[in-house]
Protein backbone atom coordinates (compact mmCIF):
# COMPACT_ATOMS: atom_id res chain seq x y z
CA MET A 1 99.31 85.03 97.29
CA PRO A 2 102.21 86.93 98.94
CA ALA A 3 104.11 89.34 96.72
CA ASP A 4 107.43 87.57 97.33
CA VAL A 5 105.99 84.25 96.13
CA VAL A 6 104.51 85.76 92.97
CA LEU A 7 107.71 87.62 92.15
CA GLY A 8 109.97 84.71 93.05
CA ARG A 9 108.25 82.42 90.56
CA ALA A 10 108.32 84.95 87.73
CA CYS A 11 111.70 86.52 88.57
CA PRO A 12 114.07 83.77 89.73
CA ALA A 13 116.92 86.29 89.91
CA LEU A 14 114.99 88.45 92.39
CA ALA A 15 117.52 89.70 94.89
CA THR A 16 117.05 88.78 98.51
CA GLN A 17 118.90 91.94 99.49
CA GLN A 18 116.69 95.06 99.48
CA LEU A 19 119.42 97.64 99.14
CA ASP A 20 122.88 97.91 97.68
CA PRO A 21 124.30 100.73 99.81
CA THR A 22 127.26 101.13 97.47
CA ALA A 23 124.94 102.49 94.76
CA LEU A 24 124.55 105.80 96.60
CA THR A 25 128.28 105.91 97.22
CA ARG A 26 128.90 105.49 93.49
CA LEU A 27 126.28 108.13 92.69
CA ALA A 28 127.85 110.56 95.18
CA ALA A 29 131.27 109.97 93.60
CA GLU A 30 129.92 110.51 90.08
CA LEU A 31 128.15 113.70 91.13
CA GLU A 32 131.00 114.76 93.42
CA SER A 33 128.37 115.49 96.04
CA SER A 34 126.95 113.31 98.79
CA ASP A 35 124.31 115.96 99.43
CA LEU A 36 123.08 115.75 95.86
CA ALA A 37 123.05 111.93 95.95
CA ARG A 38 121.01 112.02 99.15
CA SER A 39 118.65 114.58 97.61
CA ILE A 40 118.08 112.29 94.63
CA ALA A 41 117.30 109.41 96.99
CA ARG A 42 114.84 111.54 98.97
CA THR A 43 113.16 112.67 95.73
CA TYR A 44 112.91 109.04 94.66
CA LEU A 45 111.13 108.20 97.92
CA ARG A 46 108.69 111.10 97.51
CA MET A 47 107.84 110.01 93.96
CA LEU A 48 107.69 106.25 94.53
CA GLU A 49 104.01 105.94 95.45
CA GLY A 50 102.92 108.06 92.49
CA ARG A 51 105.03 106.04 90.08
CA LEU A 52 103.58 102.80 91.40
CA SER A 53 100.05 104.19 91.06
CA ARG A 54 100.69 105.28 87.47
CA ALA A 55 102.17 101.88 86.61
CA SER A 56 99.21 100.07 88.16
CA ALA A 57 96.69 102.28 86.35
CA ALA A 58 98.45 101.84 83.00
CA LEU A 59 98.61 98.07 83.45
CA ALA A 60 94.94 97.94 84.48
CA ARG A 61 93.83 99.80 81.36
CA ARG A 62 96.21 97.70 79.23
CA ASP A 63 98.14 100.76 78.06
CA ASP A 64 101.51 99.18 77.34
CA ILE A 65 103.11 102.43 76.19
CA ALA A 66 102.20 104.31 79.37
CA ALA A 67 103.15 101.29 81.48
CA MET A 68 106.56 100.99 79.84
CA ASP A 69 107.16 104.72 80.24
CA VAL A 70 106.70 104.61 84.00
CA LEU A 71 108.27 101.16 84.45
CA LEU A 72 111.47 102.04 82.61
CA SER A 73 111.82 105.22 84.65
CA LEU A 74 111.17 103.29 87.86
CA ARG A 75 113.71 100.64 86.92
CA VAL A 76 116.49 103.13 86.23
CA SER A 77 115.78 105.24 89.30
CA SER A 78 115.55 102.15 91.55
CA ALA A 79 118.95 101.01 90.30
CA THR A 80 120.37 104.49 90.79
CA VAL A 81 119.44 104.58 94.48
CA GLY A 82 120.40 100.94 95.04
CA LEU A 83 117.01 99.28 95.50
CA VAL A 84 118.10 96.07 93.79
CA ARG A 85 115.14 93.93 94.85
CA LEU A 86 112.59 96.45 93.60
CA GLU A 87 114.58 96.95 90.40
CA ALA A 88 114.46 93.19 89.74
CA ALA A 89 110.71 93.17 90.37
CA VAL A 90 110.24 96.06 87.93
CA LEU A 91 112.27 94.16 85.33
CA GLY A 92 109.90 91.21 85.72
CA VAL A 93 106.93 93.45 84.97
CA ILE A 94 108.75 95.00 82.00
CA ASP A 95 109.50 91.55 80.59
CA ALA A 96 105.84 90.52 80.93
CA VAL A 97 104.66 93.70 79.17
CA ARG A 98 107.22 93.24 76.38
CA GLY A 99 106.15 89.61 76.02
CA GLY A 100 102.52 90.59 75.58
CA GLU A 101 101.54 88.82 78.80
CA GLY A 102 99.10 91.38 80.16
CA GLU A 103 97.62 89.25 82.92
CA LEU A 104 101.07 88.28 84.20
CA ALA A 105 102.19 91.92 83.98
CA ARG A 106 99.23 93.00 86.13
CA GLU A 107 99.90 90.23 88.65
CA LEU A 108 103.59 91.09 88.83
CA GLY A 109 102.76 94.79 88.98
CA ALA A 110 100.60 94.20 92.04
CA ALA A 111 103.36 92.12 93.62
CA MET A 112 105.91 94.83 92.78
CA ALA A 113 103.73 97.38 94.55
CA GLY A 114 103.52 94.96 97.48
CA ILE A 115 107.28 94.91 98.05
CA ALA A 116 107.80 98.63 97.42
CA PRO A 117 107.02 99.78 100.99
CA ASP A 118 109.79 97.58 102.41
CA ALA A 119 112.16 98.84 99.72
CA GLY A 120 111.33 102.44 100.52
CA ALA A 121 111.75 101.76 104.23
CA ALA A 122 115.17 100.19 103.60
CA LEU A 123 116.32 103.24 101.65
CA GLN A 124 114.94 105.65 104.25
CA SER A 125 116.62 103.69 107.03
CA HIS A 126 119.91 103.83 105.15
CA LEU A 127 119.57 107.58 104.64
CA ASP A 128 118.75 108.06 108.32
CA ALA A 129 121.66 105.89 109.46
CA THR A 130 124.16 107.70 107.28
CA ALA A 131 122.89 111.17 108.18
CA SER A 132 123.92 111.13 111.82
CA GLY A 133 127.18 112.63 112.96
CA PRO A 134 129.27 115.51 111.66
CA ALA A 135 131.07 113.50 108.98
CA ALA A 136 127.90 112.04 107.41
CA VAL A 137 128.45 113.77 104.09
CA ASP A 138 131.89 112.24 103.80
CA ARG A 139 130.83 108.70 104.65
CA LEU A 140 127.85 107.91 102.43
CA PRO A 141 127.06 105.11 103.05
């Protein structure tokens, strides 16, 4: 079953929009540095696959503590960089783990991993689009 279908049934509030570009603008304003905000987003992208692997492994071995550790971190960092659709998917997995629904958590975890590449691509595309030109630092997004 496609990841979007699985997630849509379990997470009715799943955003259709991949990316909220204003999130990086807010982060840059809070940090008073577009360069630092962009660096955080690039670090997020480098770490995404590893986080998803750790979440999947923890869910597979039914280690709720380890799963929640990585899922909570992934949720906060996804929100920070503006990946609203992935954040909503992570919240669905968190809710299933908290509810003691291990099978649903594993199913949603697999679906979450299924939508992550598109989320990462959306963020990378946004970073690429806002990096061109001499005033890029001043116009994130």
